[in-house]
PDB file of N, CA and C in Angstrom:
ATOM      1  N   MET A   1      88.633   0.344  50.959  1.00  0.00           N
ATOM      2  CA  MET A   1      89.480   0.370  49.785  1.00  0.00           C
ATOM      3  C   MET A   1      90.930   0.335  50.234  1.00  0.00           C
ATOM      4  N   ASP A   2      91.679  -0.681  49.799  1.00  0.00           N
ATOM      5  CA  ASP A   2      93.079  -0.841  50.184  1.00  0.00           C
ATOM      6  C   ASP A   2      93.963  -0.260  49.099  1.00  0.00           C
ATOM      7  N   THR A   3      94.751   0.742  49.450  1.00  0.00           N
ATOM      8  CA  THR A   3      95.649   1.372  48.480  1.00  0.00           C
ATOM      9  C   THR A   3      97.029   0.738  48.514  1.00  0.00           C
ATOM     10  N   GLY A   4      97.229  -0.219  49.433  1.00  0.00           N
ATOM     11  CA  GLY A   4      98.538  -0.838  49.555  1.00  0.00           C
ATOM     12  C   GLY A   4      99.470  -0.051  50.466  1.00  0.00           C
ATOM     13  N   GLN A   5      99.005   1.078  50.962  1.00  0.00           N
ATOM     14  CA  GLN A   5      99.824   1.889  51.856  1.00  0.00           C
ATOM     15  C   GLN A   5      99.370   1.682  53.288  1.00  0.00           C
ATOM     16  N   THR A   6     100.315   1.721  54.194  1.00  0.00           N
ATOM     17  CA  THR A   6      99.996   1.606  55.600  1.00  0.00           C
ATOM     18  C   THR A   6      99.774   2.994  56.159  1.00  0.00           C
ATOM     19  N   GLU A   7      98.626   3.212  56.785  1.00  0.00           N
ATOM     20  CA  GLU A   7      98.357   4.500  57.412  1.00  0.00           C
ATOM     21  C   GLU A   7      98.745   4.419  58.873  1.00  0.00           C
ATOM     22  N   ARG A   8      99.163   5.538  59.410  1.00  0.00           N
ATOM     23  CA  ARG A   8      99.603   5.575  60.796  1.00  0.00           C
ATOM     24  C   ARG A   8      98.914   6.719  61.511  1.00  0.00           C
ATOM     25  N   ILE A   9      98.373   6.434  62.645  1.00  0.00           N
ATOM     26  CA  ILE A   9      97.796   7.479  63.474  1.00  0.00           C
ATOM     27  C   ILE A   9      98.897   7.940  64.416  1.00  0.00           C
ATOM     28  N   ILE A  10      99.177   9.220  64.388  1.00  0.00           N
ATOM     29  CA  ILE A  10     100.227   9.753  65.241  1.00  0.00           C
ATOM     30  C   ILE A  10      99.667   9.926  66.641  1.00  0.00           C
ATOM     31  N   LYS A  11     100.335   9.325  67.611  1.00  0.00           N
ATOM     32  CA  LYS A  11      99.847   9.323  68.985  1.00  0.00           C
ATOM     33  C   LYS A  11     100.639  10.265  69.871  1.00  0.00           C
ATOM     34  N   TYR A  12     101.489  11.067  69.280  1.00  0.00           N
ATOM     35  CA  TYR A  12     102.278  12.040  70.031  1.00  0.00           C
ATOM     36  C   TYR A  12     102.490  13.250  69.140  1.00  0.00           C
ATOM     37  N   ARG A  13     102.563  14.430  69.770  1.00  0.00           N
ATOM     38  CA  ARG A  13     102.745  15.667  68.997  1.00  0.00           C
ATOM     39  C   ARG A  13     103.610  16.633  69.772  1.00  0.00           C
ATOM     40  N   ASN A  14     104.364  17.419  69.025  1.00  0.00           N
ATOM     41  CA  ASN A  14     105.192  18.463  69.607  1.00  0.00           C
ATOM     42  C   ASN A  14     104.373  19.754  69.638  1.00  0.00           C
ATOM     43  N   VAL A  15     104.080  20.238  70.823  1.00  0.00           N
ATOM     44  CA  VAL A  15     103.270  21.446  71.014  1.00  0.00           C
ATOM     45  C   VAL A  15     103.882  22.637  70.277  1.00  0.00           C
ATOM     46  N   LEU A  16     105.209  22.684  70.219  1.00  0.00           N
ATOM     47  CA  LEU A  16     105.866  23.842  69.625  1.00  0.00           C
ATOM     48  C   LEU A  16     105.624  23.970  68.121  1.00  0.00           C
ATOM     49  N   GLU A  17     105.306  22.883  67.446  1.00  0.00           N
ATOM     50  CA  GLU A  17     105.091  22.976  65.999  1.00  0.00           C
ATOM     51  C   GLU A  17     103.986  23.967  65.658  1.00  0.00           C
ATOM     52  N   SER A  18     102.850  23.872  66.334  1.00  0.00           N
ATOM     53  CA  SER A  18     101.753  24.795  66.025  1.00  0.00           C
ATOM     54  C   SER A  18     102.061  26.207  66.506  1.00  0.00           C
ATOM     55  N   LEU A  19     102.700  26.335  67.672  1.00  0.00           N
ATOM     56  CA  LEU A  19     103.030  27.670  68.180  1.00  0.00           C
ATOM     57  C   LEU A  19     104.048  28.380  67.288  1.00  0.00           C
ATOM     58  N   VAL A  20     105.040  27.651  66.809  1.00  0.00           N
ATOM     59  CA  VAL A  20     106.044  28.235  65.914  1.00  0.00           C
ATOM     60  C   VAL A  20     105.412  28.593  64.572  1.00  0.00           C
ATOM     61  N   ALA A  21     104.519  27.757  64.075  1.00  0.00           N
ATOM     62  CA  ALA A  21     103.832  28.057  62.813  1.00  0.00           C
ATOM     63  C   ALA A  21     102.993  29.335  62.951  1.00  0.00           C
ATOM     64  N   GLN A  22     102.295  29.482  64.073  1.00  0.00           N
ATOM     65  CA  GLN A  22     101.490  30.683  64.308  1.00  0.00           C
ATOM     66  C   GLN A  22     102.370  31.929  64.383  1.00  0.00           C
ATOM     67  N   GLU A  23     103.486  31.812  65.092  1.00  0.00           N
ATOM     68  CA  GLU A  23     104.392  32.953  65.217  1.00  0.00           C
ATOM     69  C   GLU A  23     105.011  33.310  63.867  1.00  0.00           C
ATOM     70  N   THR A  24     105.301  32.304  63.069  1.00  0.00           N
ATOM     71  CA  THR A  24     105.848  32.542  61.727  1.00  0.00           C
ATOM     72  C   THR A  24     104.840  33.324  60.889  1.00  0.00           C
ATOM     73  N   CYS A  25     103.586  32.932  60.933  1.00  0.00           N
ATOM     74  CA  CYS A  25     102.544  33.655  60.191  1.00  0.00           C
ATOM     75  C   CYS A  25     102.442  35.098  60.664  1.00  0.00           C
ATOM     76  N   ARG A  26     102.473  35.298  61.990  1.00  0.00           N
ATOM     77  CA  ARG A  26     102.389  36.662  62.533  1.00  0.00           C
ATOM     78  C   ARG A  26     103.542  37.529  62.015  1.00  0.00           C
ATOM     79  N   GLN A  27     104.745  36.972  62.063  1.00  0.00           N
ATOM     80  CA  GLN A  27     105.893  37.771  61.636  1.00  0.00           C
ATOM     81  C   GLN A  27     105.914  37.985  60.117  1.00  0.00           C
ATOM     82  N   LEU A  28     105.448  37.019  59.360  1.00  0.00           N
ATOM     83  CA  LEU A  28     105.394  37.180  57.903  1.00  0.00           C
ATOM     84  C   LEU A  28     104.426  38.287  57.509  1.00  0.00           C
ATOM     85  N   MET A  29     103.349  38.459  58.275  1.00  0.00           N
ATOM     86  CA  MET A  29     102.373  39.508  57.967  1.00  0.00           C
ATOM     87  C   MET A  29     102.972  40.907  58.119  1.00  0.00           C
ATOM     88  N   ASN A  30     104.050  41.022  58.878  1.00  0.00           N
ATOM     89  CA  ASN A  30     104.693  42.319  59.084  1.00  0.00           C
ATOM     90  C   ASN A  30     105.793  42.621  58.064  1.00  0.00           C
ATOM     91  N   LEU A  31     106.027  41.702  57.149  1.00  0.00           N
ATOM     92  CA  LEU A  31     107.055  41.906  56.119  1.00  0.00           C
ATOM     93  C   LEU A  31     106.416  42.391  54.824  1.00  0.00           C
ATOM     94  N   PRO A  32     107.200  43.057  53.985  1.00  0.00           N
ATOM     95  CA  PRO A  32     106.667  43.484  52.686  1.00  0.00           C
ATOM     96  C   PRO A  32     106.243  42.274  51.836  1.00  0.00           C
ATOM     97  N   PRO A  33     105.090  42.348  51.190  1.00  0.00           N
ATOM     98  CA  PRO A  33     104.601  41.226  50.369  1.00  0.00           C
ATOM     99  C   PRO A  33     105.607  40.762  49.311  1.00  0.00           C
ATOM    100  N   LYS A  34     106.382  41.683  48.753  1.00  0.00           N
ATOM    101  CA  LYS A  34     107.368  41.294  47.741  1.00  0.00           C
ATOM    102  C   LYS A  34     108.434  40.373  48.329  1.00  0.00           C
ATOM    103  N   LEU A  35     108.767  40.573  49.589  1.00  0.00           N
ATOM    104  CA  LEU A  35     109.755  39.727  50.249  1.00  0.00           C
ATOM    105  C   LEU A  35     109.143  38.390  50.662  1.00  0.00           C
ATOM    106  N   VAL A  36     107.913  38.437  51.151  1.00  0.00           N
ATOM    107  CA  VAL A  36     107.241  37.236  51.648  1.00  0.00           C
ATOM    108  C   VAL A  36     107.125  36.169  50.564  1.00  0.00           C
ATOM    109  N   LYS A  37     106.934  36.580  49.326  1.00  0.00           N
ATOM    110  CA  LYS A  37     106.754  35.579  48.262  1.00  0.00           C
ATOM    111  C   LYS A  37     108.021  34.758  48.018  1.00  0.00           C
ATOM    112  N   TYR A  38     109.160  35.234  48.514  1.00  0.00           N
ATOM    113  CA  TYR A  38     110.411  34.492  48.355  1.00  0.00           C
ATOM    114  C   TYR A  38     110.770  33.662  49.589  1.00  0.00           C
ATOM    115  N   ILE A  39     109.948  33.721  50.609  1.00  0.00           N
ATOM    116  CA  ILE A  39     110.240  33.012  51.851  1.00  0.00           C
ATOM    117  C   ILE A  39     109.384  31.751  51.943  1.00  0.00           C
ATOM    118  N   ASN A  40     110.037  30.647  52.188  1.00  0.00           N
ATOM    119  CA  ASN A  40     109.342  29.382  52.393  1.00  0.00           C
ATOM    120  C   ASN A  40     109.088  29.235  53.899  1.00  0.00           C
ATOM    121  N   PRO A  41     107.836  29.366  54.329  1.00  0.00           N
ATOM    122  CA  PRO A  41     107.538  29.288  55.765  1.00  0.00           C
ATOM    123  C   PRO A  41     108.029  27.987  56.403  1.00  0.00           C
ATOM    124  N   ALA A  42     108.006  26.886  55.674  1.00  0.00           N
ATOM    125  CA  ALA A  42     108.456  25.606  56.231  1.00  0.00           C
ATOM    126  C   ALA A  42     109.930  25.676  56.635  1.00  0.00           C
ATOM    127  N   GLN A  43     110.732  26.410  55.868  1.00  0.00           N
ATOM    128  CA  GLN A  43     112.146  26.552  56.217  1.00  0.00           C
ATOM    129  C   GLN A  43     112.310  27.376  57.492  1.00  0.00           C
ATOM    130  N   VAL A  44     111.516  28.403  57.624  1.00  0.00           N
ATOM    131  CA  VAL A  44     111.566  29.241  58.822  1.00  0.00           C
ATOM    132  C   VAL A  44     111.147  28.420  60.039  1.00  0.00           C
ATOM    133  N   ILE A  45     110.070  27.665  59.899  1.00  0.00           N
ATOM    134  CA  ILE A  45     109.548  26.856  61.000  1.00  0.00           C
ATOM    135  C   ILE A  45     110.578  25.799  61.418  1.00  0.00           C
ATOM    136  N   ALA A  46     111.160  25.107  60.451  1.00  0.00           N
ATOM    137  CA  ALA A  46     112.165  24.086  60.767  1.00  0.00           C
ATOM    138  C   ALA A  46     113.373  24.712  61.457  1.00  0.00           C
ATOM    139  N   TYR A  47     113.821  25.863  60.963  1.00  0.00           N
ATOM    140  CA  TYR A  47     114.946  26.564  61.567  1.00  0.00           C
ATOM    141  C   TYR A  47     114.648  26.863  63.041  1.00  0.00           C
ATOM    142  N   ALA A  48     113.476  27.429  63.299  1.00  0.00           N
ATOM    143  CA  ALA A  48     113.098  27.798  64.669  1.00  0.00           C
ATOM    144  C   ALA A  48     112.963  26.564  65.562  1.00  0.00           C
ATOM    145  N   LEU A  49     112.292  25.529  65.070  1.00  0.00           N
ATOM    146  CA  LEU A  49     112.099  24.321  65.876  1.00  0.00           C
ATOM    147  C   LEU A  49     113.427  23.669  66.251  1.00  0.00           C
ATOM    148  N   ASN A  50     114.406  23.756  65.356  1.00  0.00           N
ATOM    149  CA  ASN A  50     115.719  23.177  65.649  1.00  0.00           C
ATOM    150  C   ASN A  50     116.471  23.933  66.733  1.00  0.00           C
ATOM    151  N   ARG A  51     115.976  25.101  67.114  1.00  0.00           N
ATOM    152  CA  ARG A  51     116.628  25.903  68.146  1.00  0.00           C
ATOM    153  C   ARG A  51     115.821  25.962  69.440  1.00  0.00           C
ATOM    154  N   LEU A  52     114.752  25.205  69.485  1.00  0.00           N
ATOM    155  CA  LEU A  52     113.884  25.182  70.666  1.00  0.00           C
ATOM    156  C   LEU A  52     113.800  23.760  71.221  1.00  0.00           C
ATOM    157  N   PRO A  53     113.570  23.633  72.523  1.00  0.00           N
ATOM    158  CA  PRO A  53     113.418  22.279  73.074  1.00  0.00           C
ATOM    159  C   PRO A  53     112.072  21.693  72.657  1.00  0.00           C
ATOM    160  N   PRO A  54     112.036  20.423  72.317  1.00  0.00           N
ATOM    161  CA  PRO A  54     110.749  19.818  71.963  1.00  0.00           C
ATOM    162  C   PRO A  54     109.875  19.643  73.199  1.00  0.00           C
ATOM    163  N   LEU A  55     108.587  19.823  73.010  1.00  0.00           N
ATOM    164  CA  LEU A  55     107.619  19.625  74.098  1.00  0.00           C
ATOM    165  C   LEU A  55     106.521  18.697  73.584  1.00  0.00           C
ATOM    166  N   TYR A  56     106.741  17.407  73.706  1.00  0.00           N
ATOM    167  CA  TYR A  56     105.797  16.424  73.193  1.00  0.00           C
ATOM    168  C   TYR A  56     104.707  16.098  74.203  1.00  0.00           C
ATOM    169  N   ALA A  57     103.562  15.738  73.675  1.00  0.00           N
ATOM    170  CA  ALA A  57     102.435  15.308  74.498  1.00  0.00           C
ATOM    171  C   ALA A  57     101.790  14.091  73.842  1.00  0.00           C
ATOM    172  N   THR A  58     101.224  13.230  74.694  1.00  0.00           N
ATOM    173  CA  THR A  58     100.526  12.041  74.195  1.00  0.00           C
ATOM    174  C   THR A  58      99.068  12.010  74.624  1.00  0.00           C
ATOM    175  N   SER A  59      98.641  13.030  75.363  1.00  0.00           N
ATOM    176  CA  SER A  59      97.255  13.095  75.818  1.00  0.00           C
ATOM    177  C   SER A  59      96.789  14.544  75.759  1.00  0.00           C
ATOM    178  N   PHE A  60      95.498  14.722  75.844  1.00  0.00           N
ATOM    179  CA  PHE A  60      94.936  16.071  75.844  1.00  0.00           C
ATOM    180  C   PHE A  60      95.432  16.860  77.052  1.00  0.00           C
ATOM    181  N   GLU A  61      95.468  16.196  78.212  1.00  0.00           N
ATOM    182  CA  GLU A  61      95.937  16.859  79.429  1.00  0.00           C
ATOM    183  C   GLU A  61      97.412  17.249  79.315  1.00  0.00           C
ATOM    184  N   GLY A  62      98.197  16.340  78.764  1.00  0.00           N
ATOM    185  CA  GLY A  62      99.613  16.637  78.538  1.00  0.00           C
ATOM    186  C   GLY A  62      99.794  17.771  77.548  1.00  0.00           C
ATOM    187  N   TRP A  63      98.940  17.795  76.528  1.00  0.00           N
ATOM    188  CA  TRP A  63      98.972  18.867  75.533  1.00  0.00           C
ATOM    189  C   TRP A  63      98.723  20.219  76.200  1.00  0.00           C
ATOM    190  N   GLN A  64      97.724  20.257  77.063  1.00  0.00           N
ATOM    191  CA  GLN A  64      97.399  21.505  77.759  1.00  0.00           C
ATOM    192  C   GLN A  64      98.558  21.959  78.654  1.00  0.00           C
ATOM    193  N   ARG A  65      99.163  21.008  79.395  1.00  0.00           N
ATOM    194  CA  ARG A  65     100.298  21.351  80.268  1.00  0.00           C
ATOM    195  C   ARG A  65     101.476  21.879  79.449  1.00  0.00           C
ATOM    196  N   GLN A  66     101.790  21.197  78.364  1.00  0.00           N
ATOM    197  CA  GLN A  66     102.924  21.608  77.539  1.00  0.00           C
ATOM    198  C   GLN A  66     102.648  22.942  76.854  1.00  0.00           C
ATOM    199  N   GLN A  67     101.415  23.152  76.442  1.00  0.00           N
ATOM    200  CA  GLN A  67     101.028  24.419  75.808  1.00  0.00           C
ATOM    201  C   GLN A  67     101.212  25.568  76.799  1.00  0.00           C
ATOM    202  N   LYS A  68     100.770  25.362  78.031  1.00  0.00           N
ATOM    203  CA  LYS A  68     100.922  26.388  79.064  1.00  0.00           C
ATOM    204  C   LYS A  68     102.399  26.650  79.335  1.00  0.00           C
ATOM    205  N   ARG A  69     103.163  25.587  79.446  1.00  0.00           N
ATOM    206  CA  ARG A  69     104.599  25.722  79.690  1.00  0.00           C
ATOM    207  C   ARG A  69     105.269  26.479  78.548  1.00  0.00           C
ATOM    208  N   ALA A  70     104.906  26.129  77.327  1.00  0.00           N
ATOM    209  CA  ALA A  70     105.510  26.778  76.152  1.00  0.00           C
ATOM    210  C   ALA A  70     105.217  28.270  76.125  1.00  0.00           C
ATOM    211  N   THR A  71     103.977  28.639  76.373  1.00  0.00           N
ATOM    212  CA  THR A  71     103.629  30.059  76.298  1.00  0.00           C
ATOM    213  C   THR A  71     104.215  30.844  77.470  1.00  0.00           C
ATOM    214  N   GLU A  72     104.255  30.222  78.655  1.00  0.00           N
ATOM    215  CA  GLU A  72     104.780  30.927  79.828  1.00  0.00           C
ATOM    216  C   GLU A  72     106.304  31.004  79.844  1.00  0.00           C
ATOM    217  N   GLU A  73     106.956  29.904  79.491  1.00  0.00           N
ATOM    218  CA  GLU A  73     108.409  29.827  79.632  1.00  0.00           C
ATOM    219  C   GLU A  73     109.183  30.089  78.337  1.00  0.00           C
ATOM    220  N   LEU A  74     108.561  29.833  77.202  1.00  0.00           N
ATOM    221  CA  LEU A  74     109.304  29.894  75.946  1.00  0.00           C
ATOM    222  C   LEU A  74     108.796  30.946  74.962  1.00  0.00           C
ATOM    223  N   GLY A  75     107.837  31.757  75.389  1.00  0.00           N
ATOM    224  CA  GLY A  75     107.239  32.734  74.473  1.00  0.00           C
ATOM    225  C   GLY A  75     108.260  33.622  73.777  1.00  0.00           C
ATOM    226  N   THR A  76     109.163  34.213  74.540  1.00  0.00           N
ATOM    227  CA  THR A  76     110.159  35.108  73.929  1.00  0.00           C
ATOM    228  C   THR A  76     111.163  34.329  73.094  1.00  0.00           C
ATOM    229  N   GLN A  77     111.486  33.094  73.512  1.00  0.00           N
ATOM    230  CA  GLN A  77     112.407  32.266  72.729  1.00  0.00           C
ATOM    231  C   GLN A  77     111.789  31.880  71.387  1.00  0.00           C
ATOM    232  N   ILE A  78     110.487  31.605  71.382  1.00  0.00           N
ATOM    233  CA  ILE A  78     109.795  31.262  70.139  1.00  0.00           C
ATOM    234  C   ILE A  78     109.854  32.446  69.177  1.00  0.00           C
ATOM    235  N   THR A  79     109.519  33.633  69.692  1.00  0.00           N
ATOM    236  CA  THR A  79     109.551  34.842  68.871  1.00  0.00           C
ATOM    237  C   THR A  79     110.948  35.073  68.302  1.00  0.00           C
ATOM    238  N   SER A  80     111.950  34.918  69.136  1.00  0.00           N
ATOM    239  CA  SER A  80     113.332  35.132  68.715  1.00  0.00           C
ATOM    240  C   SER A  80     113.791  34.088  67.695  1.00  0.00           C
ATOM    241  N   ALA A  81     113.455  32.826  67.933  1.00  0.00           N
ATOM    242  CA  ALA A  81     113.863  31.761  67.012  1.00  0.00           C
ATOM    243  C   ALA A  81     113.236  31.955  65.630  1.00  0.00           C
ATOM    244  N   VAL A  82     111.978  32.383  65.598  1.00  0.00           N
ATOM    245  CA  VAL A  82     111.309  32.639  64.316  1.00  0.00           C
ATOM    246  C   VAL A  82     111.958  33.840  63.629  1.00  0.00           C
ATOM    247  N   ARG A  83     112.260  34.877  64.394  1.00  0.00           N
ATOM    248  CA  ARG A  83     112.931  36.059  63.830  1.00  0.00           C
ATOM    249  C   ARG A  83     114.282  35.665  63.223  1.00  0.00           C
ATOM    250  N   GLN A  84     115.036  34.830  63.922  1.00  0.00           N
ATOM    251  CA  GLN A  84     116.317  34.346  63.402  1.00  0.00           C
ATOM    252  C   GLN A  84     116.118  33.497  62.152  1.00  0.00           C
ATOM    253  N   GLY A  85     115.057  32.684  62.149  1.00  0.00           N
ATOM    254  CA  GLY A  85     114.757  31.865  60.980  1.00  0.00           C
ATOM    255  C   GLY A  85     114.435  32.712  59.766  1.00  0.00           C
ATOM    256  N   LEU A  86     113.656  33.770  59.971  1.00  0.00           N
ATOM    257  CA  LEU A  86     113.343  34.684  58.868  1.00  0.00           C
ATOM    258  C   LEU A  86     114.607  35.352  58.342  1.00  0.00           C
ATOM    259  N   ALA A  87     115.486  35.759  59.253  1.00  0.00           N
ATOM    260  CA  ALA A  87     116.735  36.396  58.842  1.00  0.00           C
ATOM    261  C   ALA A  87     117.609  35.420  58.063  1.00  0.00           C
ATOM    262  N   ALA A  88     117.668  34.171  58.514  1.00  0.00           N
ATOM    263  CA  ALA A  88     118.489  33.167  57.834  1.00  0.00           C
ATOM    264  C   ALA A  88     117.961  32.878  56.427  1.00  0.00           C
ATOM    265  N   VAL A  89     116.652  32.770  56.309  1.00  0.00           N
ATOM    266  CA  VAL A  89     116.052  32.490  55.003  1.00  0.00           C
ATOM    267  C   VAL A  89     116.190  33.700  54.080  1.00  0.00           C
ATOM    268  N   GLN A  90     116.102  34.904  54.641  1.00  0.00           N
ATOM    269  CA  GLN A  90     116.217  36.121  53.826  1.00  0.00           C
ATOM    270  C   GLN A  90     117.628  36.324  53.286  1.00  0.00           C
ATOM    271  N   ARG A  91     118.631  35.799  53.980  1.00  0.00           N
ATOM    272  CA  ARG A  91     120.002  35.950  53.501  1.00  0.00           C
ATOM    273  C   ARG A  91     120.177  35.351  52.114  1.00  0.00           C
ATOM    274  N   ASP A  92     119.452  34.281  51.855  1.00  0.00           N
ATOM    275  CA  ASP A  92     119.563  33.613  50.564  1.00  0.00           C
ATOM    276  C   ASP A  92     118.177  33.186  50.088  1.00  0.00           C
ATOM    277  N   PRO A  93     117.292  34.172  49.774  1.00  0.00           N
ATOM    278  CA  PRO A  93     115.904  33.831  49.461  1.00  0.00           C
ATOM    279  C   PRO A  93     115.721  33.025  48.176  1.00  0.00           C
ATOM    280  N   LEU A  94     116.688  33.067  47.271  1.00  0.00           N
ATOM    281  CA  LEU A  94     116.545  32.333  46.013  1.00  0.00           C
ATOM    282  C   LEU A  94     117.296  31.003  46.031  1.00  0.00           C
ATOM    283  N   LYS A  95     117.809  30.621  47.196  1.00  0.00           N
ATOM    284  CA  LYS A  95     118.524  29.363  47.324  1.00  0.00           C
ATOM    285  C   LYS A  95     117.631  28.217  46.866  1.00  0.00           C
ATOM    286  N   ARG A  96     118.177  27.388  46.029  1.00  0.00           N
ATOM    287  CA  ARG A  96     117.406  26.265  45.495  1.00  0.00           C
ATOM    288  C   ARG A  96     117.361  25.144  46.524  1.00  0.00           C
ATOM    289  N   VAL A  97     116.166  24.665  46.789  1.00  0.00           N
ATOM    290  CA  VAL A  97     115.992  23.557  47.718  1.00  0.00           C
ATOM    291  C   VAL A  97     115.079  22.512  47.085  1.00  0.00           C
ATOM    292  N   THR A  98     115.345  21.269  47.413  1.00  0.00           N
ATOM    293  CA  THR A  98     114.503  20.169  46.956  1.00  0.00           C
ATOM    294  C   THR A  98     113.654  19.725  48.136  1.00  0.00           C
ATOM    295  N   PRO A  99     112.334  19.867  48.033  1.00  0.00           N
ATOM    296  CA  PRO A  99     111.470  19.483  49.159  1.00  0.00           C
ATOM    297  C   PRO A  99     111.609  18.001  49.485  1.00  0.00           C
ATOM    298  N   LEU A 100     111.409  17.674  50.746  1.00  0.00           N
ATOM    299  CA  LEU A 100     111.415  16.272  51.150  1.00  0.00           C
ATOM    300  C   LEU A 100     110.248  15.551  50.489  1.00  0.00           C
ATOM    301  N   PRO A 101     110.462  14.323  50.069  1.00  0.00           N
ATOM    302  CA  PRO A 101     109.336  13.577  49.493  1.00  0.00           C
ATOM    303  C   PRO A 101     108.353  13.197  50.592  1.00  0.00           C
ATOM    304  N   LEU A 102     107.094  13.089  50.217  1.00  0.00           N
ATOM    305  CA  LEU A 102     106.088  12.622  51.162  1.00  0.00           C
ATOM    306  C   LEU A 102     106.276  11.130  51.329  1.00  0.00           C
ATOM    307  N   ILE A 103     106.291  10.685  52.558  1.00  0.00           N
ATOM    308  CA  ILE A 103     106.466   9.252  52.812  1.00  0.00           C
ATOM    309  C   ILE A 103     105.402   8.777  53.780  1.00  0.00           C
ATOM    310  N   VAL A 104     105.124   7.509  53.690  1.00  0.00           N
ATOM    311  CA  VAL A 104     104.202   6.885  54.628  1.00  0.00           C
ATOM    312  C   VAL A 104     105.061   6.060  55.572  1.00  0.00           C
ATOM    313  N   VAL A 105     104.954   6.349  56.852  1.00  0.00           N
ATOM    314  CA  VAL A 105     105.736   5.635  57.842  1.00  0.00           C
ATOM    315  C   VAL A 105     104.897   4.504  58.397  1.00  0.00           C
ATOM    316  N   GLU A 106     105.453   3.314  58.361  1.00  0.00           N
ATOM    317  CA  GLU A 106     104.717   2.186  58.911  1.00  0.00           C
ATOM    318  C   GLU A 106     104.823   2.207  60.424  1.00  0.00           C
ATOM    319  N   GLU A 107     103.732   1.897  61.066  1.00  0.00           N
ATOM    320  CA  GLU A 107     103.714   1.875  62.524  1.00  0.00           C
ATOM    321  C   GLU A 107     104.467   0.646  63.011  1.00  0.00           C
ATOM    322  N   ILE A 108     105.189   0.801  64.104  1.00  0.00           N
ATOM    323  CA  ILE A 108     105.913  -0.322  64.695  1.00  0.00           C
ATOM    324  C   ILE A 108     104.903  -1.252  65.342  1.00  0.00           C
ATOM    325  N   LYS A 109     105.019  -2.518  65.035  1.00  0.00           N
ATOM    326  CA  LYS A 109     104.108  -3.513  65.606  1.00  0.00           C
ATOM    327  C   LYS A 109     104.452  -3.720  67.080  1.00  0.00           C
ATOM    328  N   PRO A 110     103.450  -4.072  67.907  1.00  0.00           N
ATOM    329  CA  PRO A 110     103.681  -4.233  69.350  1.00  0.00           C
ATOM    330  C   PRO A 110     104.838  -5.179  69.673  1.00  0.00           C
ATOM    331  N   GLN A 111     104.959  -6.297  68.960  1.00  0.00           N
ATOM    332  CA  GLN A 111     106.041  -7.234  69.257  1.00  0.00           C
ATOM    333  C   GLN A 111     107.405  -6.632  68.895  1.00  0.00           C
ATOM    334  N   GLU A 112     107.463  -5.785  67.849  1.00  0.00           N
ATOM    335  CA  GLU A 112     108.712  -5.113  67.496  1.00  0.00           C
ATOM    336  C   GLU A 112     109.073  -4.088  68.573  1.00  0.00           C
ATOM    337  N   MET A 113     108.076  -3.398  69.117  1.00  0.00           N
ATOM    338  CA  MET A 113     108.307  -2.418  70.172  1.00  0.00           C
ATOM    339  C   MET A 113     108.867  -3.100  71.415  1.00  0.00           C
ATOM    340  N   GLN A 114     108.308  -4.252  71.756  1.00  0.00           N
ATOM    341  CA  GLN A 114     108.802  -4.984  72.926  1.00  0.00           C
ATOM    342  C   GLN A 114     110.264  -5.370  72.741  1.00  0.00           C
ATOM    343  N   THR A 115     110.626  -5.795  71.554  1.00  0.00           N
ATOM    344  CA  THR A 115     112.003  -6.151  71.257  1.00  0.00           C
ATOM    345  C   THR A 115     112.909  -4.937  71.390  1.00  0.00           C
ATOM    346  N   LEU A 116     112.462  -3.789  70.867  1.00  0.00           N
ATOM    347  CA  LEU A 116     113.252  -2.561  70.938  1.00  0.00           C
ATOM    348  C   LEU A 116     113.464  -2.106  72.381  1.00  0.00           C
ATOM    349  N   LEU A 117     112.450  -2.272  73.224  1.00  0.00           N
ATOM    350  CA  LEU A 117     112.503  -1.762  74.583  1.00  0.00           C
ATOM    351  C   LEU A 117     113.287  -2.672  75.533  1.00  0.00           C
ATOM    352  N   LYS A 118     113.711  -3.848  75.089  1.00  0.00           N
ATOM    353  CA  LYS A 118     114.458  -4.751  75.941  1.00  0.00           C
ATOM    354  C   LYS A 118     115.921  -4.379  76.062  1.00  0.00           C
ATOM    355  N   CYS A 119     116.381  -3.383  75.332  1.00  0.00           N
ATOM    356  CA  CYS A 119     117.811  -3.037  75.366  1.00  0.00           C
ATOM    357  C   CYS A 119     118.221  -2.324  76.619  1.00  0.00           C
TER     358      CYS A 119
END
């Protein structure tokens, strides 16, 4: 069934996205429920990720290496970045935000990639 949309399989991932999301959940569980309902976890996660170095992987082996590196070298930084994100979001919990629209990203065709890489 063709919906007219181009689907894309993501062939690379940032290891820190899942680790930061997990840490955000852990820290949210320690806050009062009345406060948690005003916190948008996506804002906390984005805040933290913007303060951490990206660790991308394109293979399972690379994922494992980056995961190990993240937990060994960046564990305290992840905890701190999430804590700062929670504090930043709590400063203005009722701030109005417009969520990003969902978009479908078209995959770059091989010939377009070759053209891009010739620079």
